[in-house]
């Protein structure tokens, strides 16, 4: 996921992009929301990956996890999370694998599941939480304290107000 080298903090413009990213918006949706070109959004996303030492082609859930772990954005609101959602040990292991790995084979190995089960198990977990996709689920995993330092301790950052619209 990331290295021990110091990160470069995100700029205010990147932070706005990152807040949309952890909500699960696509680059096109972020561009529309922020009145930017898709190319500008892509450039910001690429810079955030570099600044946080994420691999250049890392998945959006991995980037969202890095942003939250390094406290570059606030932990998202849990507002649309299914109130009855609880992640069992296998689901927590899958959530952690999704947050830390981009390649399905690496996710399968970390989650200790067959490669063929990565996609359906991820879809089941997303659906059980009421999320729209795995990037939003990673944000909620942080809000629930399931994914480390980005958890409930947000004394220096307020929770985002948009909930998790996507």
N, C-alpha and C. Protein backbone atom coordinates (compact mmCIF):
# COMPACT_ATOMS: atom_id res chain seq x y z
N UNK A 1 0.84 -1.18 0.00
CA UNK A 1 0.00 0.00 0.00
C UNK A 1 0.87 1.24 0.00
N UNK A 2 1.40 1.67 1.13
CA UNK A 2 2.23 2.86 1.19
C UNK A 2 3.57 2.50 1.83
N UNK A 3 4.54 3.39 1.69
CA UNK A 3 5.85 3.16 2.29
C UNK A 3 5.95 3.98 3.57
N UNK A 4 7.07 3.80 4.27
CA UNK A 4 7.29 4.53 5.52
C UNK A 4 7.82 5.94 5.27
N UNK A 5 8.13 6.27 4.03
CA UNK A 5 8.63 7.61 3.71
C UNK A 5 7.56 8.65 4.04
N UNK A 6 7.99 9.83 4.45
CA UNK A 6 7.00 10.87 4.76
C UNK A 6 6.14 11.19 3.54
N UNK A 7 4.90 11.46 3.80
CA UNK A 7 3.99 11.82 2.71
C UNK A 7 4.05 13.32 2.47
N UNK A 8 3.59 13.72 1.31
CA UNK A 8 3.41 15.13 1.01
C UNK A 8 1.92 15.42 1.22
N UNK A 9 1.57 16.30 2.13
CA UNK A 9 0.14 16.58 2.37
C UNK A 9 -0.57 17.04 1.10
N UNK A 10 -1.85 16.72 1.01
CA UNK A 10 -2.63 17.15 -0.15
C UNK A 10 -2.86 18.65 -0.07
N UNK A 11 -2.98 19.26 -1.23
CA UNK A 11 -3.27 20.69 -1.32
C UNK A 11 -4.76 20.90 -1.06
N UNK A 12 -5.19 22.12 -0.81
CA UNK A 12 -6.63 22.37 -0.64
C UNK A 12 -7.47 21.89 -1.83
N UNK A 13 -6.98 22.09 -3.04
CA UNK A 13 -7.72 21.62 -4.22
C UNK A 13 -7.79 20.10 -4.25
N UNK A 14 -6.67 19.44 -3.92
CA UNK A 14 -6.66 17.98 -3.88
C UNK A 14 -7.58 17.47 -2.78
N UNK A 15 -7.64 18.18 -1.66
CA UNK A 15 -8.51 17.77 -0.56
C UNK A 15 -9.98 17.76 -1.00
N UNK A 16 -10.39 18.77 -1.76
CA UNK A 16 -11.77 18.81 -2.27
C UNK A 16 -12.03 17.61 -3.17
N UNK A 17 -11.06 17.28 -4.02
CA UNK A 17 -11.19 16.13 -4.91
C UNK A 17 -11.24 14.85 -4.06
N UNK A 18 -10.36 14.75 -3.08
CA UNK A 18 -10.28 13.56 -2.22
C UNK A 18 -11.58 13.33 -1.46
N UNK A 19 -12.20 14.39 -0.99
CA UNK A 19 -13.46 14.24 -0.25
C UNK A 19 -14.54 13.62 -1.14
N UNK A 20 -14.57 14.03 -2.40
CA UNK A 20 -15.52 13.42 -3.34
C UNK A 20 -15.12 11.97 -3.63
N UNK A 21 -13.81 11.74 -3.77
CA UNK A 21 -13.32 10.41 -4.08
C UNK A 21 -13.73 9.40 -3.01
N UNK A 22 -13.56 9.76 -1.73
CA UNK A 22 -13.91 8.81 -0.68
C UNK A 22 -15.42 8.60 -0.57
N UNK A 23 -16.19 9.51 -1.15
CA UNK A 23 -17.64 9.32 -1.22
C UNK A 23 -17.99 8.38 -2.36
N UNK A 24 -17.00 8.11 -3.23
CA UNK A 24 -17.20 7.17 -4.31
C UNK A 24 -17.52 7.78 -5.65
N UNK A 25 -17.40 9.08 -5.81
CA UNK A 25 -17.68 9.70 -7.09
C UNK A 25 -16.59 9.36 -8.10
N UNK A 26 -16.99 9.24 -9.35
CA UNK A 26 -16.03 9.00 -10.44
C UNK A 26 -15.34 10.32 -10.77
N UNK A 27 -14.28 10.24 -11.57
CA UNK A 27 -13.60 11.47 -11.98
C UNK A 27 -14.54 12.40 -12.73
N UNK A 28 -15.40 11.85 -13.57
CA UNK A 28 -16.36 12.69 -14.31
C UNK A 28 -17.33 13.37 -13.36
N UNK A 29 -17.82 12.64 -12.37
CA UNK A 29 -18.75 13.22 -11.39
C UNK A 29 -18.06 14.30 -10.55
N UNK A 30 -16.81 14.03 -10.17
CA UNK A 30 -16.06 15.03 -9.40
C UNK A 30 -15.84 16.28 -10.25
N UNK A 31 -15.48 16.08 -11.50
CA UNK A 31 -15.26 17.22 -12.40
C UNK A 31 -16.52 18.07 -12.50
N UNK A 32 -17.65 17.42 -12.61
CA UNK A 32 -18.92 18.15 -12.70
C UNK A 32 -19.21 18.90 -11.41
N UNK A 33 -19.03 18.24 -10.28
CA UNK A 33 -19.28 18.87 -8.97
C UNK A 33 -18.37 20.07 -8.72
N UNK A 34 -17.12 19.95 -9.11
CA UNK A 34 -16.12 20.98 -8.83
C UNK A 34 -15.92 21.96 -9.98
N UNK A 35 -16.66 21.76 -11.07
CA UNK A 35 -16.53 22.63 -12.25
C UNK A 35 -15.10 22.64 -12.77
N UNK A 36 -14.56 21.42 -12.92
CA UNK A 36 -13.21 21.22 -13.44
C UNK A 36 -13.28 20.30 -14.64
N UNK A 37 -12.20 20.20 -15.38
CA UNK A 37 -12.14 19.22 -16.47
C UNK A 37 -11.81 17.85 -15.87
N UNK A 38 -12.18 16.80 -16.59
CA UNK A 38 -11.81 15.45 -16.13
C UNK A 38 -10.30 15.31 -16.06
N UNK A 39 -9.59 15.95 -16.98
CA UNK A 39 -8.14 15.90 -16.98
C UNK A 39 -7.54 16.50 -15.73
N UNK A 40 -8.12 17.60 -15.26
CA UNK A 40 -7.64 18.24 -14.03
C UNK A 40 -7.87 17.31 -12.84
N UNK A 41 -9.04 16.69 -12.79
CA UNK A 41 -9.34 15.76 -11.69
C UNK A 41 -8.36 14.58 -11.76
N UNK A 42 -8.15 14.02 -12.93
CA UNK A 42 -7.21 12.90 -13.08
C UNK A 42 -5.81 13.30 -12.63
N UNK A 43 -5.40 14.51 -12.96
CA UNK A 43 -4.09 14.99 -12.55
C UNK A 43 -3.98 15.08 -11.02
N UNK A 44 -5.04 15.58 -10.39
CA UNK A 44 -5.04 15.65 -8.93
C UNK A 44 -4.99 14.25 -8.31
N UNK A 45 -5.75 13.33 -8.86
CA UNK A 45 -5.76 11.96 -8.33
C UNK A 45 -4.38 11.34 -8.49
N UNK A 46 -3.76 11.54 -9.63
CA UNK A 46 -2.41 11.02 -9.87
C UNK A 46 -1.42 11.61 -8.86
N UNK A 47 -1.51 12.92 -8.63
CA UNK A 47 -0.63 13.58 -7.65
C UNK A 47 -0.85 13.06 -6.24
N UNK A 48 -2.11 12.81 -5.88
CA UNK A 48 -2.39 12.28 -4.54
C UNK A 48 -1.76 10.90 -4.38
N UNK A 49 -1.86 10.06 -5.42
CA UNK A 49 -1.22 8.74 -5.35
C UNK A 49 0.28 8.89 -5.10
N UNK A 50 0.92 9.79 -5.83
CA UNK A 50 2.36 10.02 -5.67
C UNK A 50 2.67 10.54 -4.27
N UNK A 51 1.92 11.53 -3.83
CA UNK A 51 2.17 12.15 -2.52
C UNK A 51 2.01 11.17 -1.37
N UNK A 52 1.12 10.19 -1.54
CA UNK A 52 0.85 9.21 -0.48
C UNK A 52 1.60 7.90 -0.69
N UNK A 53 2.45 7.85 -1.72
CA UNK A 53 3.26 6.68 -2.04
C UNK A 53 2.42 5.46 -2.41
N UNK A 54 1.29 5.69 -3.06
CA UNK A 54 0.47 4.60 -3.58
C UNK A 54 0.99 4.24 -4.97
N UNK A 55 0.90 2.98 -5.34
CA UNK A 55 1.31 2.62 -6.71
C UNK A 55 0.51 3.43 -7.73
N UNK A 56 1.11 3.74 -8.88
CA UNK A 56 0.45 4.58 -9.88
C UNK A 56 -0.92 4.07 -10.34
N UNK A 57 -1.13 2.79 -10.40
CA UNK A 57 -2.41 2.23 -10.85
C UNK A 57 -3.21 1.65 -9.69
N UNK A 58 -2.95 2.10 -8.48
CA UNK A 58 -3.70 1.57 -7.34
C UNK A 58 -5.18 1.88 -7.48
N UNK A 59 -5.99 1.01 -6.92
CA UNK A 59 -7.44 1.16 -7.01
C UNK A 59 -7.91 2.35 -6.18
N UNK A 60 -9.11 2.79 -6.46
CA UNK A 60 -9.69 3.91 -5.70
C UNK A 60 -9.87 3.55 -4.22
N UNK A 61 -10.29 2.32 -3.89
CA UNK A 61 -10.37 1.99 -2.46
C UNK A 61 -9.00 2.09 -1.76
N UNK A 62 -7.93 1.70 -2.44
CA UNK A 62 -6.59 1.80 -1.85
C UNK A 62 -6.22 3.27 -1.64
N UNK A 63 -6.51 4.11 -2.62
CA UNK A 63 -6.22 5.53 -2.47
C UNK A 63 -7.07 6.14 -1.35
N UNK A 64 -8.34 5.78 -1.30
CA UNK A 64 -9.21 6.29 -0.23
C UNK A 64 -8.67 5.88 1.14
N UNK A 65 -8.23 4.64 1.25
CA UNK A 65 -7.66 4.14 2.51
C UNK A 65 -6.42 4.94 2.89
N UNK A 66 -5.54 5.19 1.92
CA UNK A 66 -4.33 5.97 2.20
C UNK A 66 -4.68 7.39 2.63
N UNK A 67 -5.63 8.00 1.96
CA UNK A 67 -6.06 9.35 2.34
C UNK A 67 -6.58 9.39 3.77
N UNK A 68 -7.34 8.38 4.13
CA UNK A 68 -7.92 8.34 5.49
C UNK A 68 -6.87 7.94 6.53
N UNK A 69 -6.02 7.01 6.21
CA UNK A 69 -4.97 6.59 7.16
C UNK A 69 -4.02 7.75 7.47
N UNK A 70 -3.73 8.55 6.47
CA UNK A 70 -2.82 9.68 6.65
C UNK A 70 -3.55 10.96 7.05
N UNK A 71 -4.83 10.81 7.34
CA UNK A 71 -5.67 11.90 7.84
C UNK A 71 -5.64 13.13 6.93
N UNK A 72 -5.67 12.87 5.64
CA UNK A 72 -5.70 13.95 4.66
C UNK A 72 -7.12 14.44 4.40
N UNK A 73 -8.10 13.62 4.72
CA UNK A 73 -9.51 13.98 4.62
C UNK A 73 -10.23 13.44 5.84
N UNK A 74 -11.38 14.02 6.11
CA UNK A 74 -12.18 13.58 7.24
C UNK A 74 -12.82 12.23 6.97
N UNK A 75 -13.02 11.49 8.02
CA UNK A 75 -13.74 10.22 7.93
C UNK A 75 -15.17 10.53 7.51
N UNK A 76 -15.71 9.79 6.54
CA UNK A 76 -17.06 10.11 6.07
C UNK A 76 -18.14 9.77 7.10
N UNK A 77 -19.27 10.37 6.90
CA UNK A 77 -20.44 10.09 7.72
C UNK A 77 -20.95 8.69 7.43
N UNK A 78 -21.54 8.08 8.42
CA UNK A 78 -22.12 6.75 8.24
C UNK A 78 -23.60 6.82 7.87
N UNK A 79 -24.11 7.98 7.52
CA UNK A 79 -25.55 8.18 7.38
C UNK A 79 -26.30 7.12 6.58
N UNK A 80 -25.89 6.70 5.37
CA UNK A 80 -26.70 5.70 4.70
C UNK A 80 -26.31 4.25 5.04
N UNK A 81 -25.34 4.04 5.94
CA UNK A 81 -24.95 2.69 6.33
C UNK A 81 -26.16 1.97 6.91
N UNK A 82 -26.35 0.73 6.52
CA UNK A 82 -27.44 -0.06 7.05
C UNK A 82 -27.28 -0.18 8.57
N UNK A 83 -28.28 0.22 9.36
CA UNK A 83 -28.15 0.20 10.81
C UNK A 83 -27.84 -1.18 11.38
N UNK A 84 -28.26 -2.22 10.70
CA UNK A 84 -28.04 -3.58 11.20
C UNK A 84 -26.71 -4.15 10.72
N UNK A 85 -25.90 -3.37 9.98
CA UNK A 85 -24.67 -3.89 9.42
C UNK A 85 -23.63 -4.17 10.50
N UNK A 86 -23.14 -5.37 10.51
CA UNK A 86 -21.98 -5.74 11.32
C UNK A 86 -21.12 -6.65 10.45
N UNK A 87 -19.84 -6.41 10.45
CA UNK A 87 -18.93 -7.22 9.64
C UNK A 87 -18.36 -8.33 10.50
N UNK A 88 -18.54 -9.58 10.05
CA UNK A 88 -17.94 -10.69 10.77
C UNK A 88 -16.43 -10.74 10.46
N UNK A 89 -15.73 -11.67 11.03
CA UNK A 89 -14.27 -11.74 10.88
C UNK A 89 -13.85 -11.88 9.42
N UNK A 90 -14.54 -12.73 8.65
CA UNK A 90 -14.21 -12.91 7.23
C UNK A 90 -14.47 -11.64 6.44
N UNK A 91 -15.56 -10.95 6.73
CA UNK A 91 -15.88 -9.71 6.03
C UNK A 91 -14.87 -8.62 6.39
N UNK A 92 -14.45 -8.57 7.64
CA UNK A 92 -13.45 -7.59 8.05
C UNK A 92 -12.13 -7.85 7.34
N UNK A 93 -11.77 -9.12 7.19
CA UNK A 93 -10.53 -9.48 6.49
C UNK A 93 -10.64 -9.07 5.01
N UNK A 94 -11.81 -9.28 4.40
CA UNK A 94 -12.02 -8.88 3.01
C UNK A 94 -11.97 -7.36 2.88
N UNK A 95 -12.61 -6.65 3.79
CA UNK A 95 -12.59 -5.19 3.77
C UNK A 95 -11.16 -4.67 3.84
N UNK A 96 -10.38 -5.22 4.74
CA UNK A 96 -8.97 -4.81 4.89
C UNK A 96 -8.19 -5.11 3.61
N UNK A 97 -8.45 -6.25 3.01
CA UNK A 97 -7.76 -6.63 1.78
C UNK A 97 -8.11 -5.67 0.64
N UNK A 98 -9.38 -5.29 0.55
CA UNK A 98 -9.82 -4.34 -0.49
C UNK A 98 -9.15 -2.98 -0.27
N UNK A 99 -9.01 -2.59 0.99
CA UNK A 99 -8.41 -1.29 1.31
C UNK A 99 -6.91 -1.26 1.05
N UNK A 100 -6.27 -2.40 1.10
CA UNK A 100 -4.81 -2.44 1.00
C UNK A 100 -4.26 -2.97 -0.31
N UNK A 101 -5.10 -3.59 -1.12
CA UNK A 101 -4.62 -4.22 -2.36
C UNK A 101 -5.50 -3.86 -3.54
N UNK A 102 -4.89 -3.72 -4.69
CA UNK A 102 -5.63 -3.40 -5.90
C UNK A 102 -5.92 -4.61 -6.76
N UNK A 103 -4.98 -5.53 -6.86
CA UNK A 103 -5.13 -6.70 -7.73
C UNK A 103 -6.03 -7.75 -7.08
N UNK A 104 -6.99 -8.27 -7.83
CA UNK A 104 -7.87 -9.31 -7.27
C UNK A 104 -7.12 -10.49 -6.66
N UNK A 105 -6.03 -10.91 -7.27
CA UNK A 105 -5.26 -12.04 -6.72
C UNK A 105 -4.68 -11.69 -5.34
N UNK A 106 -4.22 -10.46 -5.18
CA UNK A 106 -3.69 -10.02 -3.89
C UNK A 106 -4.81 -9.90 -2.85
N UNK A 107 -5.96 -9.41 -3.29
CA UNK A 107 -7.12 -9.33 -2.38
C UNK A 107 -7.51 -10.73 -1.93
N UNK A 108 -7.56 -11.67 -2.87
CA UNK A 108 -7.93 -13.05 -2.53
C UNK A 108 -6.96 -13.65 -1.52
N UNK A 109 -5.68 -13.46 -1.76
CA UNK A 109 -4.66 -14.00 -0.86
C UNK A 109 -4.78 -13.37 0.54
N UNK A 110 -4.93 -12.07 0.61
CA UNK A 110 -5.04 -11.39 1.91
C UNK A 110 -6.33 -11.74 2.63
N UNK A 111 -7.41 -11.91 1.88
CA UNK A 111 -8.70 -12.23 2.49
C UNK A 111 -8.87 -13.73 2.74
N UNK A 112 -7.92 -14.51 2.22
CA UNK A 112 -7.95 -15.97 2.37
C UNK A 112 -9.22 -16.56 1.75
N UNK A 113 -9.49 -16.11 0.52
CA UNK A 113 -10.62 -16.63 -0.23
C UNK A 113 -10.15 -16.99 -1.63
N UNK A 114 -10.89 -17.86 -2.32
CA UNK A 114 -10.52 -18.17 -3.71
C UNK A 114 -10.65 -16.93 -4.59
N UNK A 115 -9.78 -16.82 -5.58
CA UNK A 115 -9.79 -15.68 -6.49
C UNK A 115 -11.17 -15.50 -7.12
N UNK A 116 -11.82 -16.60 -7.48
CA UNK A 116 -13.14 -16.51 -8.12
C UNK A 116 -14.20 -15.91 -7.21
N UNK A 117 -13.94 -15.90 -5.90
CA UNK A 117 -14.92 -15.37 -4.95
C UNK A 117 -14.73 -13.90 -4.61
N UNK A 118 -13.63 -13.29 -5.07
CA UNK A 118 -13.37 -11.89 -4.71
C UNK A 118 -14.52 -10.99 -5.14
N UNK A 119 -14.89 -11.05 -6.41
CA UNK A 119 -15.92 -10.15 -6.91
C UNK A 119 -17.28 -10.41 -6.25
N UNK A 120 -17.78 -11.66 -6.21
CA UNK A 120 -19.09 -11.85 -5.59
C UNK A 120 -19.09 -11.56 -4.08
N UNK A 121 -18.02 -11.91 -3.38
CA UNK A 121 -17.98 -11.62 -1.94
C UNK A 121 -17.92 -10.12 -1.68
N UNK A 122 -17.16 -9.40 -2.53
CA UNK A 122 -17.10 -7.94 -2.39
C UNK A 122 -18.47 -7.33 -2.66
N UNK A 123 -19.13 -7.78 -3.72
CA UNK A 123 -20.47 -7.28 -4.02
C UNK A 123 -21.44 -7.56 -2.87
N UNK A 124 -21.34 -8.75 -2.27
CA UNK A 124 -22.21 -9.10 -1.12
C UNK A 124 -21.93 -8.18 0.06
N UNK A 125 -20.67 -7.89 0.33
CA UNK A 125 -20.30 -7.02 1.45
C UNK A 125 -20.79 -5.59 1.21
N UNK A 126 -20.59 -5.10 0.01
CA UNK A 126 -21.06 -3.75 -0.35
C UNK A 126 -22.58 -3.67 -0.17
N UNK A 127 -23.28 -4.66 -0.68
CA UNK A 127 -24.74 -4.70 -0.58
C UNK A 127 -25.20 -4.79 0.88
N UNK A 128 -24.54 -5.63 1.68
CA UNK A 128 -24.92 -5.80 3.09
C UNK A 128 -24.78 -4.49 3.86
N UNK A 129 -23.78 -3.70 3.51
CA UNK A 129 -23.56 -2.42 4.20
C UNK A 129 -24.47 -1.32 3.66
N UNK A 130 -25.05 -1.54 2.48
CA UNK A 130 -25.87 -0.51 1.86
C UNK A 130 -25.04 0.50 1.10
N UNK A 131 -23.79 0.16 0.82
CA UNK A 131 -22.91 1.05 0.06
C UNK A 131 -23.19 0.89 -1.43
N UNK A 132 -22.68 1.82 -2.21
CA UNK A 132 -22.85 1.71 -3.65
C UNK A 132 -21.66 1.01 -4.30
N UNK A 133 -20.51 0.98 -3.63
CA UNK A 133 -19.32 0.32 -4.16
C UNK A 133 -18.25 0.24 -3.08
N UNK A 134 -17.15 -0.39 -3.41
CA UNK A 134 -16.11 -0.67 -2.42
C UNK A 134 -15.38 0.57 -1.92
N UNK A 135 -15.29 1.62 -2.71
CA UNK A 135 -14.61 2.82 -2.23
C UNK A 135 -15.40 3.44 -1.07
N UNK A 136 -16.70 3.53 -1.23
CA UNK A 136 -17.55 4.05 -0.16
C UNK A 136 -17.45 3.13 1.06
N UNK A 137 -17.42 1.84 0.83
CA UNK A 137 -17.31 0.86 1.92
C UNK A 137 -16.02 1.06 2.72
N UNK A 138 -14.92 1.36 2.04
CA UNK A 138 -13.65 1.61 2.73
C UNK A 138 -13.77 2.83 3.63
N UNK A 139 -14.41 3.88 3.14
CA UNK A 139 -14.63 5.06 3.98
C UNK A 139 -15.42 4.70 5.23
N UNK A 140 -16.48 3.93 5.06
CA UNK A 140 -17.28 3.51 6.21
C UNK A 140 -16.49 2.61 7.14
N UNK A 141 -15.61 1.78 6.56
CA UNK A 141 -14.76 0.93 7.40
C UNK A 141 -13.90 1.77 8.34
N UNK A 142 -13.44 2.90 7.84
CA UNK A 142 -12.68 3.82 8.70
C UNK A 142 -13.59 4.45 9.74
N UNK A 143 -14.77 4.86 9.34
CA UNK A 143 -15.70 5.49 10.28
C UNK A 143 -16.11 4.53 11.39
N UNK A 144 -16.17 3.24 11.07
CA UNK A 144 -16.52 2.23 12.07
C UNK A 144 -15.32 1.79 12.91
N UNK A 145 -14.13 2.27 12.57
CA UNK A 145 -12.92 1.88 13.30
C UNK A 145 -12.40 0.51 12.91
N UNK A 146 -12.81 -0.01 11.75
CA UNK A 146 -12.38 -1.33 11.30
C UNK A 146 -11.08 -1.29 10.51
N UNK A 147 -10.64 -0.11 10.11
CA UNK A 147 -9.48 -0.01 9.24
C UNK A 147 -8.36 0.87 9.81
N UNK A 148 -8.18 0.84 11.08
CA UNK A 148 -7.02 1.49 11.65
C UNK A 148 -7.18 2.94 12.05
N UNK A 149 -6.05 3.64 11.94
CA UNK A 149 -5.91 4.98 12.50
C UNK A 149 -6.92 5.99 11.99
N UNK A 150 -7.52 5.74 10.85
CA UNK A 150 -8.48 6.69 10.33
C UNK A 150 -9.82 6.63 11.04
N UNK A 151 -9.99 5.74 12.00
CA UNK A 151 -11.26 5.48 12.65
C UNK A 151 -11.95 6.66 13.29
N UNK A 152 -12.57 6.48 14.41
CA UNK A 152 -13.41 7.49 15.03
C UNK A 152 -12.65 8.70 15.56
N UNK A 153 -11.35 8.61 15.79
CA UNK A 153 -10.59 9.74 16.33
C UNK A 153 -10.35 10.78 15.25
N UNK A 154 -11.23 11.75 15.15
CA UNK A 154 -11.11 12.78 14.13
C UNK A 154 -11.07 14.16 14.77
N UNK A 155 -10.31 14.28 15.84
CA UNK A 155 -10.27 15.54 16.58
C UNK A 155 -9.80 16.70 15.73
N UNK A 156 -8.92 16.43 14.74
CA UNK A 156 -8.44 17.54 13.93
C UNK A 156 -9.19 17.70 12.61
N UNK A 157 -10.12 16.82 12.32
CA UNK A 157 -10.88 16.91 11.09
C UNK A 157 -12.35 16.64 11.36
N UNK A 158 -13.25 17.52 10.91
CA UNK A 158 -14.67 17.25 11.10
C UNK A 158 -15.15 16.19 10.12
N UNK A 159 -16.21 15.47 10.46
CA UNK A 159 -16.80 14.51 9.52
C UNK A 159 -17.35 15.27 8.33
N UNK A 160 -17.28 14.63 7.15
CA UNK A 160 -17.83 15.29 5.99
C UNK A 160 -19.33 15.36 6.10
N UNK A 161 -19.92 16.41 5.57
CA UNK A 161 -21.34 16.64 5.73
C UNK A 161 -22.20 15.97 4.68
N UNK A 162 -21.59 15.54 3.57
CA UNK A 162 -22.40 15.00 2.50
C UNK A 162 -22.89 13.60 2.78
N UNK A 163 -22.45 12.95 3.86
CA UNK A 163 -22.79 11.56 4.06
C UNK A 163 -21.99 10.77 3.06
N UNK A 164 -22.61 9.83 2.43
CA UNK A 164 -21.94 9.09 1.37
C UNK A 164 -22.94 8.97 0.23
N UNK A 165 -23.08 10.04 -0.47
CA UNK A 165 -24.09 10.13 -1.50
C UNK A 165 -23.93 9.10 -2.59
N UNK A 166 -22.71 8.62 -2.77
CA UNK A 166 -22.48 7.59 -3.78
C UNK A 166 -21.66 6.49 -3.21
